[in-house]
Amino acid sequence: MRDFHKLINWQRSHQLALRVYSISKLFPKDELFVLTSQIRRAVSSIPTNIVEGCGRASDKDFAHFLQIAIGSAAEVEYELLLAHDLDYINDNDYHVLTEETIAVRKMIIKYRSELKS
């Protein structure tokens, strides 16, 4: 069993989730149960799946949860684009959050590839 607190990919994905939660507070109220809810579920799924994978006994099981986290990161990337195109987030926040999302996804992909199959 791994300690997720020590994983850089968990730490960075947790920080990303905090940032996305913060910025999504600015979305229009009519988006609360649509885009706001969806982007928050997706971004929180990244560190959540890393944590759940850490609780698994085998690298194969852990890799499965990392793959789900990777998919969630791709979803967040799109939802940030949508929020930007709808003028819910400015250019700077969009670029910073997108770059961080891509970096987190690449980090998880690399970590997953290093696990024993």
PDB file of N, CA and C in Angstrom:
ATOM      1  N   MET A   1       0.841  -1.178   0.000  1.00  0.00           N
ATOM      2  CA  MET A   1       0.000   0.000   0.000  1.00  0.00           C
ATOM      3  C   MET A   1       0.888   1.245   0.000  1.00  0.00           C
ATOM      4  N   ARG A   2       0.559   2.183  -0.863  1.00  0.00           N
ATOM      5  CA  ARG A   2       1.360   3.403  -1.016  1.00  0.00           C
ATOM      6  C   ARG A   2       0.758   4.549  -0.196  1.00  0.00           C
ATOM      7  N   ASP A   3       1.599   5.484   0.187  1.00  0.00           N
ATOM      8  CA  ASP A   3       1.133   6.690   0.863  1.00  0.00           C
ATOM      9  C   ASP A   3       0.950   7.775  -0.194  1.00  0.00           C
ATOM     10  N   PHE A   4      -0.307   8.060  -0.526  1.00  0.00           N
ATOM     11  CA  PHE A   4      -0.576   9.017  -1.600  1.00  0.00           C
ATOM     12  C   PHE A   4      -0.044  10.405  -1.299  1.00  0.00           C
ATOM     13  N   HIS A   5       0.062  10.762  -0.021  1.00  0.00           N
ATOM     14  CA  HIS A   5       0.562  12.091   0.348  1.00  0.00           C
ATOM     15  C   HIS A   5       1.970  12.349  -0.194  1.00  0.00           C
ATOM     16  N   LYS A   6       2.727  11.283  -0.387  1.00  0.00           N
ATOM     17  CA  LYS A   6       4.117  11.411  -0.835  1.00  0.00           C
ATOM     18  C   LYS A   6       4.250  11.485  -2.359  1.00  0.00           C
ATOM     19  N   LEU A   7       3.169  11.216  -3.077  1.00  0.00           N
ATOM     20  CA  LEU A   7       3.231  11.203  -4.539  1.00  0.00           C
ATOM     21  C   LEU A   7       3.087  12.618  -5.098  1.00  0.00           C
ATOM     22  N   ILE A   8       4.073  13.024  -5.876  1.00  0.00           N
ATOM     23  CA  ILE A   8       4.044  14.357  -6.491  1.00  0.00           C
ATOM     24  C   ILE A   8       2.832  14.492  -7.409  1.00  0.00           C
ATOM     25  N   ASN A   9       2.498  13.421  -8.136  1.00  0.00           N
ATOM     26  CA  ASN A   9       1.343  13.521  -9.029  1.00  0.00           C
ATOM     27  C   ASN A   9       0.045  13.730  -8.249  1.00  0.00           C
ATOM     28  N   TRP A  10      -0.071  13.170  -7.056  1.00  0.00           N
ATOM     29  CA  TRP A  10      -1.248  13.447  -6.225  1.00  0.00           C
ATOM     30  C   TRP A  10      -1.206  14.888  -5.716  1.00  0.00           C
ATOM     31  N   GLN A  11      -0.051  15.330  -5.220  1.00  0.00           N
ATOM     32  CA  GLN A  11       0.063  16.692  -4.691  1.00  0.00           C
ATOM     33  C   GLN A  11      -0.322  17.724  -5.739  1.00  0.00           C
ATOM     34  N   ARG A  12       0.186  17.561  -6.943  1.00  0.00           N
ATOM     35  CA  ARG A  12      -0.100  18.533  -8.010  1.00  0.00           C
ATOM     36  C   ARG A  12      -1.551  18.443  -8.472  1.00  0.00           C
ATOM     37  N   SER A  13      -2.099  17.244  -8.523  1.00  0.00           N
ATOM     38  CA  SER A  13      -3.497  17.120  -8.939  1.00  0.00           C
ATOM     39  C   SER A  13      -4.436  17.671  -7.866  1.00  0.00           C
ATOM     40  N   HIS A  14      -4.053  17.548  -6.615  1.00  0.00           N
ATOM     41  CA  HIS A  14      -4.846  18.132  -5.523  1.00  0.00           C
ATOM     42  C   HIS A  14      -4.832  19.660  -5.631  1.00  0.00           C
ATOM     43  N   GLN A  15      -3.665  20.234  -5.885  1.00  0.00           N
ATOM     44  CA  GLN A  15      -3.565  21.691  -6.054  1.00  0.00           C
ATOM     45  C   GLN A  15      -4.370  22.159  -7.269  1.00  0.00           C
ATOM     46  N   LEU A  16      -4.326  21.390  -8.341  1.00  0.00           N
ATOM     47  CA  LEU A  16      -5.121  21.715  -9.524  1.00  0.00           C
ATOM     48  C   LEU A  16      -6.608  21.717  -9.170  1.00  0.00           C
ATOM     49  N   ALA A  17      -7.047  20.718  -8.427  1.00  0.00           N
ATOM     50  CA  ALA A  17      -8.456  20.657  -8.026  1.00  0.00           C
ATOM     51  C   ALA A  17      -8.844  21.893  -7.212  1.00  0.00           C
ATOM     52  N   LEU A  18      -7.992  22.292  -6.298  1.00  0.00           N
ATOM     53  CA  LEU A  18      -8.281  23.481  -5.495  1.00  0.00           C
ATOM     54  C   LEU A  18      -8.417  24.716  -6.379  1.00  0.00           C
ATOM     55  N   ARG A  19      -7.534  24.846  -7.356  1.00  0.00           N
ATOM     56  CA  ARG A  19      -7.577  26.010  -8.258  1.00  0.00           C
ATOM     57  C   ARG A  19      -8.841  26.006  -9.124  1.00  0.00           C
ATOM     58  N   VAL A  20      -9.197  24.846  -9.642  1.00  0.00           N
ATOM     59  CA  VAL A  20     -10.388  24.762 -10.492  1.00  0.00           C
ATOM     60  C   VAL A  20     -11.642  25.021  -9.667  1.00  0.00           C
ATOM     61  N   TYR A  21     -11.706  24.497  -8.457  1.00  0.00           N
ATOM     62  CA  TYR A  21     -12.848  24.795  -7.582  1.00  0.00           C
ATOM     63  C   TYR A  21     -12.958  26.293  -7.357  1.00  0.00           C
ATOM     64  N   SER A  22     -11.833  26.943  -7.120  1.00  0.00           N
ATOM     65  CA  SER A  22     -11.829  28.380  -6.859  1.00  0.00           C
ATOM     66  C   SER A  22     -12.312  29.168  -8.075  1.00  0.00           C
ATOM     67  N   ILE A  23     -11.778  28.871  -9.236  1.00  0.00           N
ATOM     68  CA  ILE A  23     -12.152  29.619 -10.444  1.00  0.00           C
ATOM     69  C   ILE A  23     -13.590  29.333 -10.844  1.00  0.00           C
ATOM     70  N   SER A  24     -14.073  28.120 -10.596  1.00  0.00           N
ATOM     71  CA  SER A  24     -15.438  27.774 -11.004  1.00  0.00           C
ATOM     72  C   SER A  24     -16.490  28.454 -10.124  1.00  0.00           C
ATOM     73  N   LYS A  25     -16.076  29.018  -8.999  1.00  0.00           N
ATOM     74  CA  LYS A  25     -17.006  29.819  -8.181  1.00  0.00           C
ATOM     75  C   LYS A  25     -17.480  31.046  -8.945  1.00  0.00           C
ATOM     76  N   LEU A  26     -16.710  31.449  -9.950  1.00  0.00           N
ATOM     77  CA  LEU A  26     -17.035  32.637 -10.735  1.00  0.00           C
ATOM     78  C   LEU A  26     -17.950  32.340 -11.917  1.00  0.00           C
ATOM     79  N   PHE A  27     -18.209  31.070 -12.185  1.00  0.00           N
ATOM     80  CA  PHE A  27     -19.093  30.714 -13.293  1.00  0.00           C
ATOM     81  C   PHE A  27     -20.502  31.223 -12.987  1.00  0.00           C
ATOM     82  N   PRO A  28     -21.303  31.481 -14.033  1.00  0.00           N
ATOM     83  CA  PRO A  28     -22.681  31.934 -13.809  1.00  0.00           C
ATOM     84  C   PRO A  28     -23.475  30.932 -12.972  1.00  0.00           C
ATOM     85  N   LYS A  29     -24.388  31.442 -12.203  1.00  0.00           N
ATOM     86  CA  LYS A  29     -25.196  30.582 -11.315  1.00  0.00           C
ATOM     87  C   LYS A  29     -26.007  29.558 -12.099  1.00  0.00           C
ATOM     88  N   ASP A  30     -26.415  29.892 -13.334  1.00  0.00           N
ATOM     89  CA  ASP A  30     -27.190  28.923 -14.113  1.00  0.00           C
ATOM     90  C   ASP A  30     -26.345  27.747 -14.594  1.00  0.00           C
ATOM     91  N   GLU A  31     -25.032  27.807 -14.376  1.00  0.00           N
ATOM     92  CA  GLU A  31     -24.136  26.699 -14.716  1.00  0.00           C
ATOM     93  C   GLU A  31     -23.852  25.797 -13.513  1.00  0.00           C
ATOM     94  N   LEU A  32     -24.413  26.135 -12.348  1.00  0.00           N
ATOM     95  CA  LEU A  32     -24.090  25.404 -11.121  1.00  0.00           C
ATOM     96  C   LEU A  32     -24.291  23.894 -11.265  1.00  0.00           C
ATOM     97  N   PHE A  33     -25.373  23.485 -11.888  1.00  0.00           N
ATOM     98  CA  PHE A  33     -25.662  22.053 -12.008  1.00  0.00           C
ATOM     99  C   PHE A  33     -25.255  21.482 -13.360  1.00  0.00           C
ATOM    100  N   VAL A  34     -24.536  22.288 -14.137  1.00  0.00           N
ATOM    101  CA  VAL A  34     -24.094  21.832 -15.454  1.00  0.00           C
ATOM    102  C   VAL A  34     -22.565  21.857 -15.479  1.00  0.00           C
ATOM    103  N   LEU A  35     -21.977  22.874 -16.086  1.00  0.00           N
ATOM    104  CA  LEU A  35     -20.527  22.916 -16.262  1.00  0.00           C
ATOM    105  C   LEU A  35     -19.777  22.998 -14.936  1.00  0.00           C
ATOM    106  N   THR A  36     -20.258  23.788 -14.008  1.00  0.00           N
ATOM    107  CA  THR A  36     -19.573  23.904 -12.713  1.00  0.00           C
ATOM    108  C   THR A  36     -19.479  22.543 -12.034  1.00  0.00           C
ATOM    109  N   SER A  37     -20.586  21.870 -11.982  1.00  0.00           N
ATOM    110  CA  SER A  37     -20.628  20.547 -11.355  1.00  0.00           C
ATOM    111  C   SER A  37     -19.748  19.550 -12.106  1.00  0.00           C
ATOM    112  N   GLN A  38     -19.817  19.569 -13.432  1.00  0.00           N
ATOM    113  CA  GLN A  38     -19.066  18.604 -14.239  1.00  0.00           C
ATOM    114  C   GLN A  38     -17.558  18.800 -14.113  1.00  0.00           C
ATOM    115  N   ILE A  39     -17.094  20.048 -14.205  1.00  0.00           N
ATOM    116  CA  ILE A  39     -15.648  20.292 -14.134  1.00  0.00           C
ATOM    117  C   ILE A  39     -15.125  19.970 -12.735  1.00  0.00           C
ATOM    118  N   ARG A  40     -15.936  20.230 -11.702  1.00  0.00           N
ATOM    119  CA  ARG A  40     -15.510  19.902 -10.341  1.00  0.00           C
ATOM    120  C   ARG A  40     -15.439  18.395 -10.125  1.00  0.00           C
ATOM    121  N   ARG A  41     -16.399  17.662 -10.652  1.00  0.00           N
ATOM    122  CA  ARG A  41     -16.361  16.194 -10.528  1.00  0.00           C
ATOM    123  C   ARG A  41     -15.132  15.637 -11.251  1.00  0.00           C
ATOM    124  N   ALA A  42     -14.881  16.145 -12.451  1.00  0.00           N
ATOM    125  CA  ALA A  42     -13.755  15.639 -13.235  1.00  0.00           C
ATOM    126  C   ALA A  42     -12.420  15.953 -12.576  1.00  0.00           C
ATOM    127  N   VAL A  43     -12.247  17.199 -12.116  1.00  0.00           N
ATOM    128  CA  VAL A  43     -10.952  17.575 -11.528  1.00  0.00           C
ATOM    129  C   VAL A  43     -10.729  16.874 -10.191  1.00  0.00           C
ATOM    130  N   SER A  44     -11.784  16.660  -9.420  1.00  0.00           N
ATOM    131  CA  SER A  44     -11.598  15.954  -8.146  1.00  0.00           C
ATOM    132  C   SER A  44     -11.385  14.458  -8.369  1.00  0.00           C
ATOM    133  N   SER A  45     -11.811  13.960  -9.518  1.00  0.00           N
ATOM    134  CA  SER A  45     -11.606  12.551  -9.851  1.00  0.00           C
ATOM    135  C   SER A  45     -10.129  12.213 -10.047  1.00  0.00           C
ATOM    136  N   ILE A  46      -9.336  13.193 -10.446  1.00  0.00           N
ATOM    137  CA  ILE A  46      -7.912  12.929 -10.693  1.00  0.00           C
ATOM    138  C   ILE A  46      -7.213  12.509  -9.398  1.00  0.00           C
ATOM    139  N   PRO A  47      -7.170  13.359  -8.369  1.00  0.00           N
ATOM    140  CA  PRO A  47      -6.501  12.924  -7.134  1.00  0.00           C
ATOM    141  C   PRO A  47      -7.247  11.795  -6.421  1.00  0.00           C
ATOM    142  N   THR A  48      -8.571  11.764  -6.562  1.00  0.00           N
ATOM    143  CA  THR A  48      -9.349  10.702  -5.908  1.00  0.00           C
ATOM    144  C   THR A  48      -8.966   9.333  -6.446  1.00  0.00           C
ATOM    145  N   ASN A  49      -8.799   9.207  -7.750  1.00  0.00           N
ATOM    146  CA  ASN A  49      -8.424   7.915  -8.325  1.00  0.00           C
ATOM    147  C   ASN A  49      -6.990   7.537  -8.001  1.00  0.00           C
ATOM    148  N   ILE A  50      -6.123   8.525  -7.864  1.00  0.00           N
ATOM    149  CA  ILE A  50      -4.756   8.220  -7.416  1.00  0.00           C
ATOM    150  C   ILE A  50      -4.805   7.640  -6.003  1.00  0.00           C
ATOM    151  N   VAL A  51      -5.588   8.257  -5.146  1.00  0.00           N
ATOM    152  CA  VAL A  51      -5.726   7.780  -3.768  1.00  0.00           C
ATOM    153  C   VAL A  51      -6.314   6.373  -3.739  1.00  0.00           C
ATOM    154  N   GLU A  52      -7.379   6.163  -4.502  1.00  0.00           N
ATOM    155  CA  GLU A  52      -8.003   4.838  -4.504  1.00  0.00           C
ATOM    156  C   GLU A  52      -7.031   3.785  -5.023  1.00  0.00           C
ATOM    157  N   GLY A  53      -6.277   4.120  -6.054  1.00  0.00           N
ATOM    158  CA  GLY A  53      -5.286   3.180  -6.572  1.00  0.00           C
ATOM    159  C   GLY A  53      -4.211   2.845  -5.561  1.00  0.00           C
ATOM    160  N   CYS A  54      -3.833   3.833  -4.745  1.00  0.00           N
ATOM    161  CA  CYS A  54      -2.824   3.597  -3.707  1.00  0.00           C
ATOM    162  C   CYS A  54      -3.281   2.550  -2.693  1.00  0.00           C
ATOM    163  N   GLY A  55      -4.569   2.429  -2.541  1.00  0.00           N
ATOM    164  CA  GLY A  55      -5.108   1.459  -1.592  1.00  0.00           C
ATOM    165  C   GLY A  55      -5.211   0.049  -2.147  1.00  0.00           C
ATOM    166  N   ARG A  56      -4.870  -0.120  -3.386  1.00  0.00           N
ATOM    167  CA  ARG A  56      -4.955  -1.439  -4.016  1.00  0.00           C
ATOM    168  C   ARG A  56      -3.665  -2.225  -3.813  1.00  0.00           C
ATOM    169  N   ALA A  57      -3.804  -3.536  -3.854  1.00  0.00           N
ATOM    170  CA  ALA A  57      -2.677  -4.410  -3.522  1.00  0.00           C
ATOM    171  C   ALA A  57      -1.667  -4.578  -4.661  1.00  0.00           C
ATOM    172  N   SER A  58      -2.137  -4.489  -5.893  1.00  0.00           N
ATOM    173  CA  SER A  58      -1.217  -4.790  -7.007  1.00  0.00           C
ATOM    174  C   SER A  58      -0.973  -3.550  -7.874  1.00  0.00           C
ATOM    175  N   ASP A  59       0.158  -3.582  -8.560  1.00  0.00           N
ATOM    176  CA  ASP A  59       0.466  -2.518  -9.513  1.00  0.00           C
ATOM    177  C   ASP A  59      -0.559  -2.492 -10.645  1.00  0.00           C
ATOM    178  N   LYS A  60      -1.056  -3.666 -11.033  1.00  0.00           N
ATOM    179  CA  LYS A  60      -2.055  -3.730 -12.102  1.00  0.00           C
ATOM    180  C   LYS A  60      -3.318  -2.979 -11.700  1.00  0.00           C
ATOM    181  N   ASP A  61      -3.776  -3.199 -10.483  1.00  0.00           N
ATOM    182  CA  ASP A  61      -4.959  -2.489  -9.993  1.00  0.00           C
ATOM    183  C   ASP A  61      -4.685  -0.993  -9.888  1.00  0.00           C
ATOM    184  N   PHE A  62      -3.512  -0.641  -9.381  1.00  0.00           N
ATOM    185  CA  PHE A  62      -3.144   0.761  -9.253  1.00  0.00           C
ATOM    186  C   PHE A  62      -3.126   1.424 -10.631  1.00  0.00           C
ATOM    187  N   ALA A  63      -2.546   0.744 -11.615  1.00  0.00           N
ATOM    188  CA  ALA A  63      -2.470   1.276 -12.974  1.00  0.00           C
ATOM    189  C   ALA A  63      -3.859   1.546 -13.548  1.00  0.00           C
ATOM    190  N   HIS A  64      -4.819   0.694 -13.216  1.00  0.00           N
ATOM    191  CA  HIS A  64      -6.198   0.898 -13.681  1.00  0.00           C
ATOM    192  C   HIS A  64      -6.748   2.236 -13.168  1.00  0.00           C
ATOM    193  N   PHE A  65      -6.537   2.534 -11.900  1.00  0.00           N
ATOM    194  CA  PHE A  65      -7.033   3.785 -11.330  1.00  0.00           C
ATOM    195  C   PHE A  65      -6.257   4.985 -11.860  1.00  0.00           C
ATOM    196  N   LEU A  66      -4.984   4.800 -12.146  1.00  0.00           N
ATOM    197  CA  LEU A  66      -4.219   5.880 -12.772  1.00  0.00           C
ATOM    198  C   LEU A  66      -4.756   6.171 -14.167  1.00  0.00           C
ATOM    199  N   GLN A  67      -5.165   5.135 -14.885  1.00  0.00           N
ATOM    200  CA  GLN A  67      -5.741   5.341 -16.215  1.00  0.00           C
ATOM    201  C   GLN A  67      -7.034   6.143 -16.131  1.00  0.00           C
ATOM    202  N   ILE A  68      -7.839   5.895 -15.131  1.00  0.00           N
ATOM    203  CA  ILE A  68      -9.065   6.676 -14.939  1.00  0.00           C
ATOM    204  C   ILE A  68      -8.711   8.135 -14.638  1.00  0.00           C
ATOM    205  N   ALA A  69      -7.690   8.358 -13.818  1.00  0.00           N
ATOM    206  CA  ALA A  69      -7.237   9.721 -13.514  1.00  0.00           C
ATOM    207  C   ALA A  69      -6.772  10.430 -14.782  1.00  0.00           C
ATOM    208  N   ILE A  70      -6.092   9.716 -15.654  1.00  0.00           N
ATOM    209  CA  ILE A  70      -5.632  10.277 -16.924  1.00  0.00           C
ATOM    210  C   ILE A  70      -6.830  10.706 -17.774  1.00  0.00           C
ATOM    211  N   GLY A  71      -7.845   9.871 -17.826  1.00  0.00           N
ATOM    212  CA  GLY A  71      -9.060  10.212 -18.570  1.00  0.00           C
ATOM    213  C   GLY A  71      -9.757  11.428 -17.984  1.00  0.00           C
ATOM    214  N   SER A  72      -9.789  11.513 -16.676  1.00  0.00           N
ATOM    215  CA  SER A  72     -10.406  12.670 -16.026  1.00  0.00           C
ATOM    216  C   SER A  72      -9.642  13.950 -16.328  1.00  0.00           C
ATOM    217  N   ALA A  73      -8.322  13.858 -16.405  1.00  0.00           N
ATOM    218  CA  ALA A  73      -7.512  15.030 -16.742  1.00  0.00           C
ATOM    219  C   ALA A  73      -7.822  15.500 -18.165  1.00  0.00           C
ATOM    220  N   ALA A  74      -8.012  14.570 -19.081  1.00  0.00           N
ATOM    221  CA  ALA A  74      -8.379  14.941 -20.451  1.00  0.00           C
ATOM    222  C   ALA A  74      -9.746  15.636 -20.455  1.00  0.00           C
ATOM    223  N   GLU A  75     -10.665  15.139 -19.653  1.00  0.00           N
ATOM    224  CA  GLU A  75     -11.986  15.760 -19.548  1.00  0.00           C
ATOM    225  C   GLU A  75     -11.874  17.188 -19.007  1.00  0.00           C
ATOM    226  N   VAL A  76     -11.065  17.396 -17.992  1.00  0.00           N
ATOM    227  CA  VAL A  76     -10.865  18.733 -17.431  1.00  0.00           C
ATOM    228  C   VAL A  76     -10.296  19.671 -18.490  1.00  0.00           C
ATOM    229  N   GLU A  77      -9.355  19.174 -19.275  1.00  0.00           N
ATOM    230  CA  GLU A  77      -8.769  20.010 -20.320  1.00  0.00           C
ATOM    231  C   GLU A  77      -9.854  20.535 -21.261  1.00  0.00           C
ATOM    232  N   TYR A  78     -10.759  19.661 -21.668  1.00  0.00           N
ATOM    233  CA  TYR A  78     -11.852  20.110 -22.540  1.00  0.00           C
ATOM    234  C   TYR A  78     -12.785  21.085 -21.818  1.00  0.00           C
ATOM    235  N   GLU A  79     -13.144  20.784 -20.600  1.00  0.00           N
ATOM    236  CA  GLU A  79     -14.078  21.645 -19.871  1.00  0.00           C
ATOM    237  C   GLU A  79     -13.490  23.031 -19.616  1.00  0.00           C
ATOM    238  N   LEU A  80     -12.182  23.111 -19.443  1.00  0.00           N
ATOM    239  CA  LEU A  80     -11.531  24.421 -19.343  1.00  0.00           C
ATOM    240  C   LEU A  80     -11.661  25.177 -20.665  1.00  0.00           C
ATOM    241  N   LEU A  81     -11.480  24.482 -21.773  1.00  0.00           N
ATOM    242  CA  LEU A  81     -11.649  25.096 -23.087  1.00  0.00           C
ATOM    243  C   LEU A  81     -13.078  25.616 -23.257  1.00  0.00           C
ATOM    244  N   LEU A  82     -14.034  24.796 -22.889  1.00  0.00           N
ATOM    245  CA  LEU A  82     -15.439  25.201 -22.989  1.00  0.00           C
ATOM    246  C   LEU A  82     -15.712  26.434 -22.127  1.00  0.00           C
ATOM    247  N   ALA A  83     -15.233  26.409 -20.890  1.00  0.00           N
ATOM    248  CA  ALA A  83     -15.430  27.553 -19.990  1.00  0.00           C
ATOM    249  C   ALA A  83     -14.778  28.812 -20.560  1.00  0.00           C
ATOM    250  N   HIS A  84     -13.618  28.652 -21.143  1.00  0.00           N
ATOM    251  CA  HIS A  84     -12.926  29.785 -21.763  1.00  0.00           C
ATOM    252  C   HIS A  84     -13.718  30.315 -22.958  1.00  0.00           C
ATOM    253  N   ASP A  85     -14.156  29.415 -23.824  1.00  0.00           N
ATOM    254  CA  ASP A  85     -14.899  29.826 -25.012  1.00  0.00           C
ATOM    255  C   ASP A  85     -16.250  30.454 -24.676  1.00  0.00           C
ATOM    256  N   LEU A  86     -16.790  30.121 -23.518  1.00  0.00           N
ATOM    257  CA  LEU A  86     -18.041  30.735 -23.046  1.00  0.00           C
ATOM    258  C   LEU A  86     -17.776  32.027 -22.256  1.00  0.00           C
ATOM    259  N   ASP A  87     -16.502  32.418 -22.193  1.00  0.00           N
ATOM    260  CA  ASP A  87     -16.072  33.629 -21.464  1.00  0.00           C
ATOM    261  C   ASP A  87     -16.313  33.546 -19.957  1.00  0.00           C
ATOM    262  N   TYR A  88     -16.208  32.336 -19.413  1.00  0.00           N
ATOM    263  CA  TYR A  88     -16.334  32.166 -17.957  1.00  0.00           C
ATOM    264  C   TYR A  88     -14.985  32.308 -17.269  1.00  0.00           C
ATOM    265  N   ILE A  89     -13.907  32.057 -18.019  1.00  0.00           N
ATOM    266  CA  ILE A  89     -12.567  32.262 -17.470  1.00  0.00           C
ATOM    267  C   ILE A  89     -11.740  33.051 -18.482  1.00  0.00           C
ATOM    268  N   ASN A  90     -10.838  33.863 -17.969  1.00  0.00           N
ATOM    269  CA  ASN A  90     -10.030  34.710 -18.846  1.00  0.00           C
ATOM    270  C   ASN A  90      -8.890  33.917 -19.484  1.00  0.00           C
ATOM    271  N   ASP A  91      -8.229  34.565 -20.449  1.00  0.00           N
ATOM    272  CA  ASP A  91      -7.156  33.907 -21.197  1.00  0.00           C
ATOM    273  C   ASP A  91      -6.040  33.406 -20.287  1.00  0.00           C
ATOM    274  N   ASN A  92      -5.603  34.240 -19.359  1.00  0.00           N
ATOM    275  CA  ASN A  92      -4.489  33.857 -18.485  1.00  0.00           C
ATOM    276  C   ASN A  92      -4.839  32.639 -17.632  1.00  0.00           C
ATOM    277  N   ASP A  93      -5.998  32.681 -16.962  1.00  0.00           N
ATOM    278  CA  ASP A  93      -6.404  31.542 -16.127  1.00  0.00           C
ATOM    279  C   ASP A  93      -6.564  30.282 -16.964  1.00  0.00           C
ATOM    280  N   TYR A  94      -7.129  30.441 -18.153  1.00  0.00           N
ATOM    281  CA  TYR A  94      -7.290  29.290 -19.041  1.00  0.00           C
ATOM    282  C   TYR A  94      -5.938  28.661 -19.370  1.00  0.00           C
ATOM    283  N   HIS A  95      -4.987  29.480 -19.765  1.00  0.00           N
ATOM    284  CA  HIS A  95      -3.674  28.949 -20.162  1.00  0.00           C
ATOM    285  C   HIS A  95      -2.937  28.327 -18.975  1.00  0.00           C
ATOM    286  N   VAL A  96      -2.971  28.975 -17.840  1.00  0.00           N
ATOM    287  CA  VAL A  96      -2.295  28.440 -16.654  1.00  0.00           C
ATOM    288  C   VAL A  96      -2.913  27.108 -16.234  1.00  0.00           C
ATOM    289  N   LEU A  97      -4.236  27.052 -16.152  1.00  0.00           N
ATOM    290  CA  LEU A  97      -4.909  25.822 -15.710  1.00  0.00           C
ATOM    291  C   LEU A  97      -4.761  24.700 -16.736  1.00  0.00           C
ATOM    292  N   THR A  98      -4.812  25.054 -18.010  1.00  0.00           N
ATOM    293  CA  THR A  98      -4.645  24.032 -19.045  1.00  0.00           C
ATOM    294  C   THR A  98      -3.229  23.463 -19.030  1.00  0.00           C
ATOM    295  N   GLU A  99      -2.241  24.326 -18.914  1.00  0.00           N
ATOM    296  CA  GLU A  99      -0.858  23.850 -18.846  1.00  0.00           C
ATOM    297  C   GLU A  99      -0.646  22.946 -17.634  1.00  0.00           C
ATOM    298  N   GLU A 100      -1.231  23.311 -16.502  1.00  0.00           N
ATOM    299  CA  GLU A 100      -1.093  22.481 -15.302  1.00  0.00           C
ATOM    300  C   GLU A 100      -1.818  21.151 -15.474  1.00  0.00           C
ATOM    301  N   THR A 101      -2.979  21.172 -16.091  1.00  0.00           N
ATOM    302  CA  THR A 101      -3.738  19.938 -16.338  1.00  0.00           C
ATOM    303  C   THR A 101      -2.939  18.993 -17.238  1.00  0.00           C
ATOM    304  N   ILE A 102      -2.360  19.531 -18.287  1.00  0.00           N
ATOM    305  CA  ILE A 102      -1.554  18.721 -19.209  1.00  0.00           C
ATOM    306  C   ILE A 102      -0.321  18.177 -18.489  1.00  0.00           C
ATOM    307  N   ALA A 103       0.318  19.009 -17.677  1.00  0.00           N
ATOM    308  CA  ALA A 103       1.502  18.561 -16.931  1.00  0.00           C
ATOM    309  C   ALA A 103       1.143  17.437 -15.966  1.00  0.00           C
ATOM    310  N   VAL A 104       0.034  17.568 -15.277  1.00  0.00           N
ATOM    311  CA  VAL A 104      -0.417  16.523 -14.346  1.00  0.00           C
ATOM    312  C   VAL A 104      -0.701  15.238 -15.114  1.00  0.00           C
ATOM    313  N   ARG A 105      -1.401  15.361 -16.240  1.00  0.00           N
ATOM    314  CA  ARG A 105      -1.721  14.161 -17.028  1.00  0.00           C
ATOM    315  C   ARG A 105      -0.449  13.462 -17.490  1.00  0.00           C
ATOM    316  N   LYS A 106       0.522  14.216 -18.001  1.00  0.00           N
ATOM    317  CA  LYS A 106       1.783  13.623 -18.445  1.00  0.00           C
ATOM    318  C   LYS A 106       2.529  12.957 -17.287  1.00  0.00           C
ATOM    319  N   MET A 107       2.484  13.585 -16.125  1.00  0.00           N
ATOM    320  CA  MET A 107       3.149  13.031 -14.948  1.00  0.00           C
ATOM    321  C   MET A 107       2.531  11.686 -14.561  1.00  0.00           C
ATOM    322  N   ILE A 108       1.201  11.620 -14.606  1.00  0.00           N
ATOM    323  CA  ILE A 108       0.518  10.364 -14.255  1.00  0.00           C
ATOM    324  C   ILE A 108       0.802   9.293 -15.307  1.00  0.00           C
ATOM    325  N   ILE A 109       0.813   9.677 -16.568  1.00  0.00           N
ATOM    326  CA  ILE A 109       1.124   8.722 -17.644  1.00  0.00           C
ATOM    327  C   ILE A 109       2.519   8.139 -17.436  1.00  0.00           C
ATOM    328  N   LYS A 110       3.476   8.995 -17.142  1.00  0.00           N
ATOM    329  CA  LYS A 110       4.851   8.531 -16.915  1.00  0.00           C
ATOM    330  C   LYS A 110       4.918   7.595 -15.710  1.00  0.00           C
ATOM    331  N   TYR A 111       4.276   7.988 -14.626  1.00  0.00           N
ATOM    332  CA  TYR A 111       4.283   7.168 -13.412  1.00  0.00           C
ATOM    333  C   TYR A 111       3.633   5.810 -13.699  1.00  0.00           C
ATOM    334  N   ARG A 112       2.526   5.817 -14.427  1.00  0.00           N
ATOM    335  CA  ARG A 112       1.833   4.575 -14.761  1.00  0.00           C
ATOM    336  C   ARG A 112       2.746   3.661 -15.587  1.00  0.00           C
ATOM    337  N   SER A 113       3.496   4.233 -16.506  1.00  0.00           N
ATOM    338  CA  SER A 113       4.372   3.422 -17.359  1.00  0.00           C
ATOM    339  C   SER A 113       5.523   2.792 -16.577  1.00  0.00           C
ATOM    340  N   GLU A 114       5.848   3.350 -15.430  1.00  0.00           N
ATOM    341  CA  GLU A 114       6.946   2.831 -14.604  1.00  0.00           C
ATOM    342  C   GLU A 114       6.502   1.714 -13.662  1.00  0.00           C
ATOM    343  N   LEU A 115       5.202   1.485 -13.546  1.00  0.00           N
ATOM    344  CA  LEU A 115       4.719   0.409 -12.673  1.00  0.00           C
ATOM    345  C   LEU A 115       5.012  -0.942 -13.300  1.00  0.00           C
ATOM    346  N   LYS A 116       5.161  -1.939 -12.453  1.00  0.00           N
ATOM    347  CA  LYS A 116       5.332  -3.309 -12.940  1.00  0.00           C
ATOM    348  C   LYS A 116       3.995  -3.796 -13.486  1.00  0.00           C
ATOM    349  N   SER A 117       4.028  -4.448 -14.605  1.00  0.00           N
ATOM    350  CA  SER A 117       2.771  -4.945 -15.214  1.00  0.00           C
ATOM    351  C   SER A 117       2.356  -6.255 -14.610  1.00  0.00           C
TER     352      SER A 117
END
